[in-house]
C-alpha cells in the first residue's frame, strides 16, 4: 500500500528535529494547495503517513520544512535574514502504490535529502 513519509535529523545537534514544522502541498501548474501542516514528533517524524493508501495519488508535491524557526527555538543565534530559512523540496509521485520517503538532514548552514526507503 502506498504512502508518503518524512524524517528530519538535526545535524548541528546530532538529534531528531523534534518540533520542526512541515507543510505538505500538492502542486498543479503554478498553484500549490496545502494538504497538511504538522510538527514532527520526538523522533523527528510525523505521527503517521503524510499521505496514506487512501490519499496517495500520482502527481507533483512540495514539502516545506521551517528550519530557521526550529533552530531559533533551540536557542541558536541566526543572522537576519538566516542563511537557510525554509527548505523547499519539490518531488513527484509516479506510483501511488509505492512507498515514498523524503528524509532531510539539516543544520542552519546546509541540508541534504534523497529518496529514502
PDB file of N, CA and C in Angstrom:
ATOM      1  N   UNK A   1       0.835  -1.181   0.000  1.00  0.00           N
ATOM      2  CA  UNK A   1       0.000   0.000   0.000  1.00  0.00           C
ATOM      3  C   UNK A   1       0.875   1.237   0.000  1.00  0.00           C
ATOM      4  N   UNK A   2       0.559   2.181  -0.850  1.00  0.00           N
ATOM      5  CA  UNK A   2       1.371   3.376  -0.982  1.00  0.00           C
ATOM      6  C   UNK A   2       1.235   4.323   0.199  1.00  0.00           C
ATOM      7  N   UNK A   3       2.336   5.017   0.481  1.00  0.00           N
ATOM      8  CA  UNK A   3       2.287   6.083   1.473  1.00  0.00           C
ATOM      9  C   UNK A   3       3.517   6.974   1.348  1.00  0.00           C
ATOM     10  N   UNK A   4       3.404   8.161   1.919  1.00  0.00           N
ATOM     11  CA  UNK A   4       4.474   9.154   1.924  1.00  0.00           C
ATOM     12  C   UNK A   4       4.847   9.435   3.369  1.00  0.00           C
ATOM     13  N   UNK A   5       6.151   9.437   3.646  1.00  0.00           N
ATOM     14  CA  UNK A   5       6.632   9.744   4.992  1.00  0.00           C
ATOM     15  C   UNK A   5       7.845  10.661   4.911  1.00  0.00           C
ATOM     16  N   UNK A   6       8.216  11.226   6.067  1.00  0.00           N
ATOM     17  CA  UNK A   6       9.405  12.073   6.156  1.00  0.00           C
ATOM     18  C   UNK A   6      10.060  11.866   7.507  1.00  0.00           C
ATOM     19  N   UNK A   7      11.306  12.283   7.595  1.00  0.00           N
ATOM     20  CA  UNK A   7      12.101  12.189   8.822  1.00  0.00           C
ATOM     21  C   UNK A   7      13.144  13.291   8.737  1.00  0.00           C
ATOM     22  N   UNK A   8      13.320  14.064   9.805  1.00  0.00           N
ATOM     23  CA  UNK A   8      14.307  15.144   9.788  1.00  0.00           C
ATOM     24  C   UNK A   8      15.303  14.942  10.917  1.00  0.00           C
ATOM     25  N   UNK A   9      16.587  14.989  10.549  1.00  0.00           N
ATOM     26  CA  UNK A   9      17.664  14.913  11.520  1.00  0.00           C
ATOM     27  C   UNK A   9      18.386  16.253  11.590  1.00  0.00           C
ATOM     28  N   UNK A  10      18.568  16.741  12.788  1.00  0.00           N
ATOM     29  CA  UNK A  10      19.283  17.984  13.086  1.00  0.00           C
ATOM     30  C   UNK A  10      20.765  17.614  13.179  1.00  0.00           C
ATOM     31  N   UNK A  11      21.537  17.928  12.134  1.00  0.00           N
ATOM     32  CA  UNK A  11      22.949  17.543  12.117  1.00  0.00           C
ATOM     33  C   UNK A  11      23.826  18.485  12.933  1.00  0.00           C
ATOM     34  N   UNK A  12      23.314  19.642  13.295  1.00  0.00           N
ATOM     35  CA  UNK A  12      24.072  20.546  14.159  1.00  0.00           C
ATOM     36  C   UNK A  12      24.153  19.985  15.579  1.00  0.00           C
ATOM     37  N   UNK A  13      23.038  19.449  16.049  1.00  0.00           N
ATOM     38  CA  UNK A  13      22.961  18.952  17.420  1.00  0.00           C
ATOM     39  C   UNK A  13      23.009  17.427  17.515  1.00  0.00           C
ATOM     40  N   UNK A  14      23.020  16.748  16.369  1.00  0.00           N
ATOM     41  CA  UNK A  14      23.102  15.295  16.364  1.00  0.00           C
ATOM     42  C   UNK A  14      21.893  14.607  16.947  1.00  0.00           C
ATOM     43  N   UNK A  15      20.687  15.081  16.549  1.00  0.00           N
ATOM     44  CA  UNK A  15      19.460  14.513  17.112  1.00  0.00           C
ATOM     45  C   UNK A  15      18.305  14.669  16.123  1.00  0.00           C
ATOM     46  N   UNK A  16      17.188  13.975  16.377  1.00  0.00           N
ATOM     47  CA  UNK A  16      15.995  14.202  15.555  1.00  0.00           C
ATOM     48  C   UNK A  16      15.502  15.646  15.737  1.00  0.00           C
ATOM     49  N   UNK A  17      14.899  16.199  14.703  1.00  0.00           N
ATOM     50  CA  UNK A  17      14.417  17.588  14.727  1.00  0.00           C
ATOM     51  C   UNK A  17      12.998  17.644  15.297  1.00  0.00           C
ATOM     52  N   UNK A  18      12.868  17.304  16.575  1.00  0.00           N
ATOM     53  CA  UNK A  18      11.562  17.306  17.242  1.00  0.00           C
ATOM     54  C   UNK A  18      10.974  18.714  17.251  1.00  0.00           C
ATOM     55  N   UNK A  19       9.710  18.812  16.854  1.00  0.00           N
ATOM     56  CA  UNK A  19       9.014  20.091  16.857  1.00  0.00           C
ATOM     57  C   UNK A  19       9.118  20.870  15.560  1.00  0.00           C
ATOM     58  N   UNK A  20      10.003  20.473  14.656  1.00  0.00           N
ATOM     59  CA  UNK A  20      10.138  21.194  13.382  1.00  0.00           C
ATOM     60  C   UNK A  20       8.819  21.113  12.622  1.00  0.00           C
ATOM     61  N   UNK A  21       8.363  22.250  12.099  1.00  0.00           N
ATOM     62  CA  UNK A  21       7.083  22.306  11.387  1.00  0.00           C
ATOM     63  C   UNK A  21       7.296  21.991   9.907  1.00  0.00           C
ATOM     64  N   UNK A  22       6.368  21.189   9.377  1.00  0.00           N
ATOM     65  CA  UNK A  22       6.421  20.734   7.989  1.00  0.00           C
ATOM     66  C   UNK A  22       5.058  20.959   7.351  1.00  0.00           C
ATOM     67  N   UNK A  23       5.071  21.432   6.111  1.00  0.00           N
ATOM     68  CA  UNK A  23       3.842  21.590   5.335  1.00  0.00           C
ATOM     69  C   UNK A  23       3.964  20.764   4.067  1.00  0.00           C
ATOM     70  N   UNK A  24       2.933  19.982   3.767  1.00  0.00           N
ATOM     71  CA  UNK A  24       2.843  19.217   2.529  1.00  0.00           C
ATOM     72  C   UNK A  24       1.866  19.921   1.604  1.00  0.00           C
ATOM     73  N   UNK A  25       2.305  20.150   0.365  1.00  0.00           N
ATOM     74  CA  UNK A  25       1.447  20.766  -0.643  1.00  0.00           C
ATOM     75  C   UNK A  25       1.386  19.890  -1.883  1.00  0.00           C
ATOM     76  N   UNK A  26       0.247  19.939  -2.558  1.00  0.00           N
ATOM     77  CA  UNK A  26       0.115  19.327  -3.870  1.00  0.00           C
ATOM     78  C   UNK A  26       0.256  20.460  -4.878  1.00  0.00           C
ATOM     79  N   UNK A  27       1.080  20.248  -5.892  1.00  0.00           N
ATOM     80  CA  UNK A  27       1.392  21.301  -6.862  1.00  0.00           C
ATOM     81  C   UNK A  27       0.792  20.950  -8.213  1.00  0.00           C
ATOM     82  N   UNK A  28       0.005  21.893  -8.757  1.00  0.00           N
ATOM     83  CA  UNK A  28      -0.564  21.750 -10.092  1.00  0.00           C
ATOM     84  C   UNK A  28      -0.311  23.039 -10.835  1.00  0.00           C
ATOM     85  N   UNK A  29       0.613  22.987 -11.801  1.00  0.00           N
ATOM     86  CA  UNK A  29       0.992  24.202 -12.524  1.00  0.00           C
ATOM     87  C   UNK A  29       1.624  25.194 -11.571  1.00  0.00           C
ATOM     88  N   UNK A  30       1.080  26.408 -11.526  1.00  0.00           N
ATOM     89  CA  UNK A  30       1.591  27.455 -10.643  1.00  0.00           C
ATOM     90  C   UNK A  30       0.871  27.488  -9.296  1.00  0.00           C
ATOM     91  N   UNK A  31      -0.013  26.546  -9.067  1.00  0.00           N
ATOM     92  CA  UNK A  31      -0.819  26.545  -7.848  1.00  0.00           C
ATOM     93  C   UNK A  31      -0.356  25.446  -6.899  1.00  0.00           C
ATOM     94  N   UNK A  32      -0.194  25.819  -5.625  1.00  0.00           N
ATOM     95  CA  UNK A  32       0.152  24.844  -4.583  1.00  0.00           C
ATOM     96  C   UNK A  32      -0.962  24.850  -3.546  1.00  0.00           C
ATOM     97  N   UNK A  33      -1.543  23.685  -3.320  1.00  0.00           N
ATOM     98  CA  UNK A  33      -2.633  23.536  -2.356  1.00  0.00           C
ATOM     99  C   UNK A  33      -2.102  22.811  -1.125  1.00  0.00           C
ATOM    100  N   UNK A  34      -2.257  23.432   0.035  1.00  0.00           N
ATOM    101  CA  UNK A  34      -1.777  22.826   1.271  1.00  0.00           C
ATOM    102  C   UNK A  34      -2.665  21.660   1.663  1.00  0.00           C
ATOM    103  N   UNK A  35      -2.042  20.500   1.872  1.00  0.00           N
ATOM    104  CA  UNK A  35      -2.757  19.294   2.280  1.00  0.00           C
ATOM    105  C   UNK A  35      -2.644  19.043   3.775  1.00  0.00           C
ATOM    106  N   UNK A  36      -1.507  19.422   4.353  1.00  0.00           N
ATOM    107  CA  UNK A  36      -1.268  19.105   5.761  1.00  0.00           C
ATOM    108  C   UNK A  36      -0.131  19.968   6.289  1.00  0.00           C
ATOM    109  N   UNK A  37      -0.275  20.422   7.540  1.00  0.00           N
ATOM    110  CA  UNK A  37       0.793  21.096   8.266  1.00  0.00           C
ATOM    111  C   UNK A  37       0.887  20.436   9.633  1.00  0.00           C
ATOM    112  N   UNK A  38       2.107  20.131  10.066  1.00  0.00           N
ATOM    113  CA  UNK A  38       2.279  19.427  11.334  1.00  0.00           C
ATOM    114  C   UNK A  38       3.642  19.724  11.931  1.00  0.00           C
ATOM    115  N   UNK A  39       3.789  19.377  13.200  1.00  0.00           N
ATOM    116  CA  UNK A  39       5.079  19.446  13.887  1.00  0.00           C
ATOM    117  C   UNK A  39       5.573  18.014  14.062  1.00  0.00           C
ATOM    118  N   UNK A  40       6.852  17.806  13.835  1.00  0.00           N
ATOM    119  CA  UNK A  40       7.437  16.470  13.961  1.00  0.00           C
ATOM    120  C   UNK A  40       7.521  16.039  15.415  1.00  0.00           C
ATOM    121  N   UNK A  41       7.401  14.736  15.638  1.00  0.00           N
ATOM    122  CA  UNK A  41       7.430  14.194  16.999  1.00  0.00           C
ATOM    123  C   UNK A  41       8.867  14.091  17.533  1.00  0.00           C
ATOM    124  N   UNK A  42       9.026  13.495  18.696  1.00  0.00           N
ATOM    125  CA  UNK A  42      10.331  13.410  19.362  1.00  0.00           C
ATOM    126  C   UNK A  42      11.359  12.641  18.544  1.00  0.00           C
ATOM    127  N   UNK A  43      10.892  11.799  17.628  1.00  0.00           N
ATOM    128  CA  UNK A  43      11.797  11.036  16.762  1.00  0.00           C
ATOM    129  C   UNK A  43      12.070  11.769  15.449  1.00  0.00           C
ATOM    130  N   UNK A  44      11.567  13.011  15.308  1.00  0.00           N
ATOM    131  CA  UNK A  44      11.761  13.770  14.080  1.00  0.00           C
ATOM    132  C   UNK A  44      10.910  13.279  12.929  1.00  0.00           C
ATOM    133  N   UNK A  45       9.827  12.605  13.252  1.00  0.00           N
ATOM    134  CA  UNK A  45       8.921  12.046  12.244  1.00  0.00           C
ATOM    135  C   UNK A  45       7.500  12.565  12.465  1.00  0.00           C
ATOM    136  N   UNK A  46       6.685  12.445  11.420  1.00  0.00           N
ATOM    137  CA  UNK A  46       5.254  12.691  11.571  1.00  0.00           C
ATOM    138  C   UNK A  46       4.676  11.505  12.342  1.00  0.00           C
ATOM    139  N   UNK A  47       3.588  11.714  13.061  1.00  0.00           N
ATOM    140  CA  UNK A  47       2.977  10.630  13.833  1.00  0.00           C
ATOM    141  C   UNK A  47       2.328   9.566  12.954  1.00  0.00           C
ATOM    142  N   UNK A  48       2.116   9.886  11.703  1.00  0.00           N
ATOM    143  CA  UNK A  48       1.550   8.938  10.742  1.00  0.00           C
ATOM    144  C   UNK A  48       2.008   9.335   9.356  1.00  0.00           C
ATOM    145  N   UNK A  49       1.577   8.612   8.334  1.00  0.00           N
ATOM    146  CA  UNK A  49       1.982   8.973   6.974  1.00  0.00           C
ATOM    147  C   UNK A  49       1.445  10.346   6.579  1.00  0.00           C
ATOM    148  N   UNK A  50       2.222  11.054   5.776  1.00  0.00           N
ATOM    149  CA  UNK A  50       1.750  12.337   5.238  1.00  0.00           C
ATOM    150  C   UNK A  50       0.641  12.093   4.219  1.00  0.00           C
ATOM    151  N   UNK A  51       0.795  11.039   3.451  1.00  0.00           N
ATOM    152  CA  UNK A  51      -0.258  10.537   2.559  1.00  0.00           C
ATOM    153  C   UNK A  51      -0.360   9.048   2.828  1.00  0.00           C
ATOM    154  N   UNK A  52      -1.584   8.540   2.953  1.00  0.00           N
ATOM    155  CA  UNK A  52      -1.772   7.113   3.182  1.00  0.00           C
ATOM    156  C   UNK A  52      -2.343   6.472   1.917  1.00  0.00           C
ATOM    157  N   UNK A  53      -2.689   5.210   2.003  1.00  0.00           N
ATOM    158  CA  UNK A  53      -3.180   4.476   0.833  1.00  0.00           C
ATOM    159  C   UNK A  53      -4.412   5.129   0.212  1.00  0.00           C
ATOM    160  N   UNK A  54      -5.252   5.764   1.049  1.00  0.00           N
ATOM    161  CA  UNK A  54      -6.473   6.396   0.524  1.00  0.00           C
ATOM    162  C   UNK A  54      -6.197   7.753  -0.128  1.00  0.00           C
ATOM    163  N   UNK A  55      -5.185   8.478   0.335  1.00  0.00           N
ATOM    164  CA  UNK A  55      -4.933   9.835  -0.169  1.00  0.00           C
ATOM    165  C   UNK A  55      -3.758   9.912  -1.135  1.00  0.00           C
ATOM    166  N   UNK A  56      -3.000   8.837  -1.257  1.00  0.00           N
ATOM    167  CA  UNK A  56      -1.828   8.811  -2.141  1.00  0.00           C
ATOM    168  C   UNK A  56      -2.282   8.880  -3.594  1.00  0.00           C
ATOM    169  N   UNK A  57      -1.696   9.791  -4.351  1.00  0.00           N
ATOM    170  CA  UNK A  57      -2.043   9.948  -5.766  1.00  0.00           C
ATOM    171  C   UNK A  57      -0.801  10.370  -6.540  1.00  0.00           C
ATOM    172  N   UNK A  58      -0.728   9.970  -7.795  1.00  0.00           N
ATOM    173  CA  UNK A  58       0.384  10.415  -8.618  1.00  0.00           C
ATOM    174  C   UNK A  58       0.279  11.926  -8.783  1.00  0.00           C
ATOM    175  N   UNK A  59       1.426  12.559  -8.975  1.00  0.00           N
ATOM    176  CA  UNK A  59       1.439  13.999  -9.177  1.00  0.00           C
ATOM    177  C   UNK A  59       2.673  14.643  -8.578  1.00  0.00           C
ATOM    178  N   UNK A  60       2.647  15.961  -8.569  1.00  0.00           N
ATOM    179  CA  UNK A  60       3.757  16.756  -8.037  1.00  0.00           C
ATOM    180  C   UNK A  60       3.396  17.258  -6.646  1.00  0.00           C
ATOM    181  N   UNK A  61       4.399  17.223  -5.768  1.00  0.00           N
ATOM    182  CA  UNK A  61       4.202  17.611  -4.375  1.00  0.00           C
ATOM    183  C   UNK A  61       5.355  18.497  -3.923  1.00  0.00           C
ATOM    184  N   UNK A  62       5.147  19.146  -2.795  1.00  0.00           N
ATOM    185  CA  UNK A  62       6.162  20.020  -2.198  1.00  0.00           C
ATOM    186  C   UNK A  62       6.125  19.831  -0.688  1.00  0.00           C
ATOM    187  N   UNK A  63       7.290  19.689  -0.103  1.00  0.00           N
ATOM    188  CA  UNK A  63       7.430  19.715   1.350  1.00  0.00           C
ATOM    189  C   UNK A  63       8.171  20.980   1.731  1.00  0.00           C
ATOM    190  N   UNK A  64       7.627  21.698   2.694  1.00  0.00           N
ATOM    191  CA  UNK A  64       8.250  22.911   3.222  1.00  0.00           C
ATOM    192  C   UNK A  64       8.642  22.641   4.668  1.00  0.00           C
ATOM    193  N   UNK A  65       9.932  22.730   4.947  1.00  0.00           N
ATOM    194  CA  UNK A  65      10.470  22.481   6.277  1.00  0.00           C
ATOM    195  C   UNK A  65      10.886  23.821   6.881  1.00  0.00           C
ATOM    196  N   UNK A  66      10.300  24.203   7.997  1.00  0.00           N
ATOM    197  CA  UNK A  66      10.561  25.503   8.632  1.00  0.00           C
ATOM    198  C   UNK A  66      11.805  25.396   9.518  1.00  0.00           C
ATOM    199  N   UNK A  67      12.951  25.542   8.882  1.00  0.00           N
ATOM    200  CA  UNK A  67      14.242  25.287   9.517  1.00  0.00           C
ATOM    201  C   UNK A  67      14.654  26.405  10.479  1.00  0.00           C
ATOM    202  N   UNK A  68      14.630  27.653  10.049  1.00  0.00           N
ATOM    203  CA  UNK A  68      15.090  28.753  10.911  1.00  0.00           C
ATOM    204  C   UNK A  68      14.277  28.843  12.203  1.00  0.00           C
ATOM    205  N   UNK A  69      12.943  28.787  12.154  1.00  0.00           N
ATOM    206  CA  UNK A  69      12.198  28.821  13.418  1.00  0.00           C
ATOM    207  C   UNK A  69      12.557  27.665  14.352  1.00  0.00           C
ATOM    208  N   UNK A  70      12.817  26.492  13.783  1.00  0.00           N
ATOM    209  CA  UNK A  70      13.218  25.340  14.596  1.00  0.00           C
ATOM    210  C   UNK A  70      14.529  25.636  15.338  1.00  0.00           C
ATOM    211  N   UNK A  71      15.552  26.112  14.610  1.00  0.00           N
ATOM    212  CA  UNK A  71      16.840  26.370  15.262  1.00  0.00           C
ATOM    213  C   UNK A  71      16.755  27.534  16.244  1.00  0.00           C
ATOM    214  N   UNK A  72      15.986  28.560  15.922  1.00  0.00           N
ATOM    215  CA  UNK A  72      15.807  29.669  16.881  1.00  0.00           C
ATOM    216  C   UNK A  72      15.172  29.173  18.174  1.00  0.00           C
ATOM    217  N   UNK A  73      14.187  28.291  18.065  1.00  0.00           N
ATOM    218  CA  UNK A  73      13.519  27.743  19.253  1.00  0.00           C
ATOM    219  C   UNK A  73      14.484  26.926  20.105  1.00  0.00           C
ATOM    220  N   UNK A  74      15.540  26.405  19.485  1.00  0.00           N
ATOM    221  CA  UNK A  74      16.571  25.655  20.218  1.00  0.00           C
ATOM    222  C   UNK A  74      17.661  26.576  20.758  1.00  0.00           C
ATOM    223  N   UNK A  75      17.500  27.889  20.579  1.00  0.00           N
ATOM    224  CA  UNK A  75      18.456  28.841  21.125  1.00  0.00           C
ATOM    225  C   UNK A  75      19.630  29.171  20.228  1.00  0.00           C
ATOM    226  N   UNK A  76      19.574  28.739  18.979  1.00  0.00           N
ATOM    227  CA  UNK A  76      20.655  29.039  18.039  1.00  0.00           C
ATOM    228  C   UNK A  76      20.483  30.479  17.540  1.00  0.00           C
ATOM    229  N   UNK A  77      21.534  31.259  17.650  1.00  0.00           N
ATOM    230  CA  UNK A  77      21.508  32.635  17.159  1.00  0.00           C
ATOM    231  C   UNK A  77      21.807  32.594  15.663  1.00  0.00           C
ATOM    232  N   UNK A  78      20.846  33.055  14.877  1.00  0.00           N
ATOM    233  CA  UNK A  78      20.973  33.056  13.420  1.00  0.00           C
ATOM    234  C   UNK A  78      21.087  34.485  12.915  1.00  0.00           C
ATOM    235  N   UNK A  79      21.777  34.683  11.793  1.00  0.00           N
ATOM    236  CA  UNK A  79      21.819  36.023  11.211  1.00  0.00           C
ATOM    237  C   UNK A  79      20.436  36.394  10.680  1.00  0.00           C
ATOM    238  N   UNK A  80      20.230  37.659  10.424  1.00  0.00           N
ATOM    239  CA  UNK A  80      18.965  38.111   9.844  1.00  0.00           C
ATOM    240  C   UNK A  80      19.258  38.776   8.507  1.00  0.00           C
ATOM    241  N   UNK A  81      18.809  38.224   7.416  1.00  0.00           N
ATOM    242  CA  UNK A  81      17.998  37.011   7.326  1.00  0.00           C
ATOM    243  C   UNK A  81      18.860  35.754   7.514  1.00  0.00           C
ATOM    244  N   UNK A  82      18.234  34.658   7.910  1.00  0.00           N
ATOM    245  CA  UNK A  82      19.002  33.425   8.090  1.00  0.00           C
ATOM    246  C   UNK A  82      19.486  32.880   6.747  1.00  0.00           C
ATOM    247  N   UNK A  83      20.608  32.178   6.789  1.00  0.00           N
ATOM    248  CA  UNK A  83      21.129  31.573   5.559  1.00  0.00           C
ATOM    249  C   UNK A  83      20.119  30.580   4.992  1.00  0.00           C
ATOM    250  N   UNK A  84      19.588  29.692   5.840  1.00  0.00           N
ATOM    251  CA  UNK A  84      18.527  28.767   5.432  1.00  0.00           C
ATOM    252  C   UNK A  84      17.320  29.052   6.315  1.00  0.00           C
ATOM    253  N   UNK A  85      16.231  29.448   5.688  1.00  0.00           N
ATOM    254  CA  UNK A  85      15.002  29.752   6.413  1.00  0.00           C
ATOM    255  C   UNK A  85      14.036  28.575   6.285  1.00  0.00           C
ATOM    256  N   UNK A  86      13.511  28.384   5.092  1.00  0.00           N
ATOM    257  CA  UNK A  86      12.608  27.275   4.798  1.00  0.00           C
ATOM    258  C   UNK A  86      13.223  26.434   3.696  1.00  0.00           C
ATOM    259  N   UNK A  87      13.320  25.132   3.925  1.00  0.00           N
ATOM    260  CA  UNK A  87      13.785  24.223   2.879  1.00  0.00           C
ATOM    261  C   UNK A  87      12.559  23.742   2.114  1.00  0.00           C
ATOM    262  N   UNK A  88      12.597  23.944   0.806  1.00  0.00           N
ATOM    263  CA  UNK A  88      11.505  23.523  -0.073  1.00  0.00           C
ATOM    264  C   UNK A  88      11.996  22.373  -0.933  1.00  0.00           C
ATOM    265  N   UNK A  89      11.302  21.247  -0.866  1.00  0.00           N
ATOM    266  CA  UNK A  89      11.652  20.093  -1.689  1.00  0.00           C
ATOM    267  C   UNK A  89      10.458  19.777  -2.572  1.00  0.00           C
ATOM    268  N   UNK A  90      10.639  19.935  -3.876  1.00  0.00           N
ATOM    269  CA  UNK A  90       9.617  19.583  -4.852  1.00  0.00           C
ATOM    270  C   UNK A  90       9.948  18.188  -5.377  1.00  0.00           C
ATOM    271  N   UNK A  91       8.952  17.322  -5.422  1.00  0.00           N
ATOM    272  CA  UNK A  91       9.184  15.951  -5.860  1.00  0.00           C
ATOM    273  C   UNK A  91       7.925  15.413  -6.520  1.00  0.00           C
ATOM    274  N   UNK A  92       8.077  14.319  -7.236  1.00  0.00           N
ATOM    275  CA  UNK A  92       6.955  13.698  -7.913  1.00  0.00           C
ATOM    276  C   UNK A  92       6.676  12.309  -7.392  1.00  0.00           C
ATOM    277  N   UNK A  93       5.414  11.949  -7.384  1.00  0.00           N
ATOM    278  CA  UNK A  93       4.988  10.585  -7.065  1.00  0.00           C
ATOM    279  C   UNK A  93       4.466   9.985  -8.366  1.00  0.00           C
ATOM    280  N   UNK A  94       5.199   8.997  -8.879  1.00  0.00           N
ATOM    281  CA  UNK A  94       4.829   8.355 -10.138  1.00  0.00           C
ATOM    282  C   UNK A  94       4.038   7.076  -9.923  1.00  0.00           C
ATOM    283  N   UNK A  95       4.161   6.498  -8.717  1.00  0.00           N
ATOM    284  CA  UNK A  95       3.498   5.226  -8.419  1.00  0.00           C
ATOM    285  C   UNK A  95       2.738   5.373  -7.105  1.00  0.00           C
ATOM    286  N   UNK A  96       1.427   5.539  -7.175  1.00  0.00           N
ATOM    287  CA  UNK A  96       0.612   5.754  -5.978  1.00  0.00           C
ATOM    288  C   UNK A  96       0.598   4.547  -5.050  1.00  0.00           C
ATOM    289  N   UNK A  97       1.038   3.384  -5.522  1.00  0.00           N
ATOM    290  CA  UNK A  97       1.111   2.193  -4.678  1.00  0.00           C
ATOM    291  C   UNK A  97       2.480   2.051  -4.011  1.00  0.00           C
ATOM    292  N   UNK A  98       3.407   2.972  -4.324  1.00  0.00           N
ATOM    293  CA  UNK A  98       4.760   2.882  -3.799  1.00  0.00           C
ATOM    294  C   UNK A  98       4.921   3.560  -2.448  1.00  0.00           C
ATOM    295  N   UNK A  99       6.061   3.271  -1.805  1.00  0.00           N
ATOM    296  CA  UNK A  99       6.435   3.945  -0.553  1.00  0.00           C
ATOM    297  C   UNK A  99       7.439   5.031  -0.911  1.00  0.00           C
ATOM    298  N   UNK A 100       7.063   6.264  -0.642  1.00  0.00           N
ATOM    299  CA  UNK A 100       7.940   7.409  -0.866  1.00  0.00           C
ATOM    300  C   UNK A 100       8.324   7.977   0.489  1.00  0.00           C
ATOM    301  N   UNK A 101       9.619   8.057   0.734  1.00  0.00           N
ATOM    302  CA  UNK A 101      10.140   8.598   1.996  1.00  0.00           C
ATOM    303  C   UNK A 101      11.094   9.724   1.644  1.00  0.00           C
ATOM    304  N   UNK A 102      10.851  10.917   2.220  1.00  0.00           N
ATOM    305  CA  UNK A 102      11.668  12.098   1.935  1.00  0.00           C
ATOM    306  C   UNK A 102      12.343  12.550   3.231  1.00  0.00           C
ATOM    307  N   UNK A 103      13.558  12.058   3.488  1.00  0.00           N
ATOM    308  CA  UNK A 103      14.280  12.483   4.685  1.00  0.00           C
ATOM    309  C   UNK A 103      15.018  13.799   4.434  1.00  0.00           C
ATOM    310  N   UNK A 104      15.279  14.504   5.516  1.00  0.00           N
ATOM    311  CA  UNK A 104      16.038  15.749   5.442  1.00  0.00           C
ATOM    312  C   UNK A 104      17.079  15.739   6.543  1.00  0.00           C
ATOM    313  N   UNK A 105      18.328  16.012   6.172  1.00  0.00           N
ATOM    314  CA  UNK A 105      19.413  16.221   7.113  1.00  0.00           C
ATOM    315  C   UNK A 105      19.683  17.718   7.070  1.00  0.00           C
ATOM    316  N   UNK A 106      19.668  18.406   8.229  1.00  0.00           N
ATOM    317  CA  UNK A 106      19.695  19.867   8.180  1.00  0.00           C
ATOM    318  C   UNK A 106      20.479  20.476   9.338  1.00  0.00           C
ATOM    319  N   UNK A 107      21.124  21.588   9.025  1.00  0.00           N
ATOM    320  CA  UNK A 107      21.754  22.471  10.009  1.00  0.00           C
ATOM    321  C   UNK A 107      21.387  23.888   9.571  1.00  0.00           C
ATOM    322  N   UNK A 108      21.766  24.900  10.321  1.00  0.00           N
ATOM    323  CA  UNK A 108      21.475  26.262   9.870  1.00  0.00           C
ATOM    324  C   UNK A 108      22.234  26.653   8.596  1.00  0.00           C
ATOM    325  N   UNK A 109      23.200  25.817   8.192  1.00  0.00           N
ATOM    326  CA  UNK A 109      24.091  26.197   7.086  1.00  0.00           C
ATOM    327  C   UNK A 109      24.060  25.254   5.892  1.00  0.00           C
ATOM    328  N   UNK A 110      23.412  24.099   6.030  1.00  0.00           N
ATOM    329  CA  UNK A 110      23.413  23.126   4.939  1.00  0.00           C
ATOM    330  C   UNK A 110      22.256  22.143   5.113  1.00  0.00           C
ATOM    331  N   UNK A 111      21.878  21.512   3.987  1.00  0.00           N
ATOM    332  CA  UNK A 111      20.882  20.454   4.063  1.00  0.00           C
ATOM    333  C   UNK A 111      21.113  19.459   2.936  1.00  0.00           C
ATOM    334  N   UNK A 112      20.563  18.259   3.133  1.00  0.00           N
ATOM    335  CA  UNK A 112      20.659  17.197   2.150  1.00  0.00           C
ATOM    336  C   UNK A 112      19.390  16.361   2.210  1.00  0.00           C
ATOM    337  N   UNK A 113      18.989  15.829   1.067  1.00  0.00           N
ATOM    338  CA  UNK A 113      17.834  14.963   1.005  1.00  0.00           C
ATOM    339  C   UNK A 113      18.074  13.881  -0.045  1.00  0.00           C
ATOM    340  N   UNK A 114      17.215  12.884  -0.063  1.00  0.00           N
ATOM    341  CA  UNK A 114      17.282  11.803  -1.013  1.00  0.00           C
ATOM    342  C   UNK A 114      15.964  11.051  -0.938  1.00  0.00           C
ATOM    343  N   UNK A 115      15.730  10.137  -1.851  1.00  0.00           N
ATOM    344  CA  UNK A 115      14.545   9.281  -1.735  1.00  0.00           C
ATOM    345  C   UNK A 115      14.925   8.103  -0.855  1.00  0.00           C
ATOM    346  N   UNK A 116      14.356   8.080   0.315  1.00  0.00           N
ATOM    347  CA  UNK A 116      14.660   7.029   1.272  1.00  0.00           C
ATOM    348  C   UNK A 116      13.784   5.812   1.071  1.00  0.00           C
ATOM    349  N   UNK A 117      13.941   4.870   1.975  1.00  0.00           N
ATOM    350  CA  UNK A 117      13.158   3.640   1.887  1.00  0.00           C
ATOM    351  C   UNK A 117      12.316   3.463   3.144  1.00  0.00           C
TER     352      UNK A 117
END
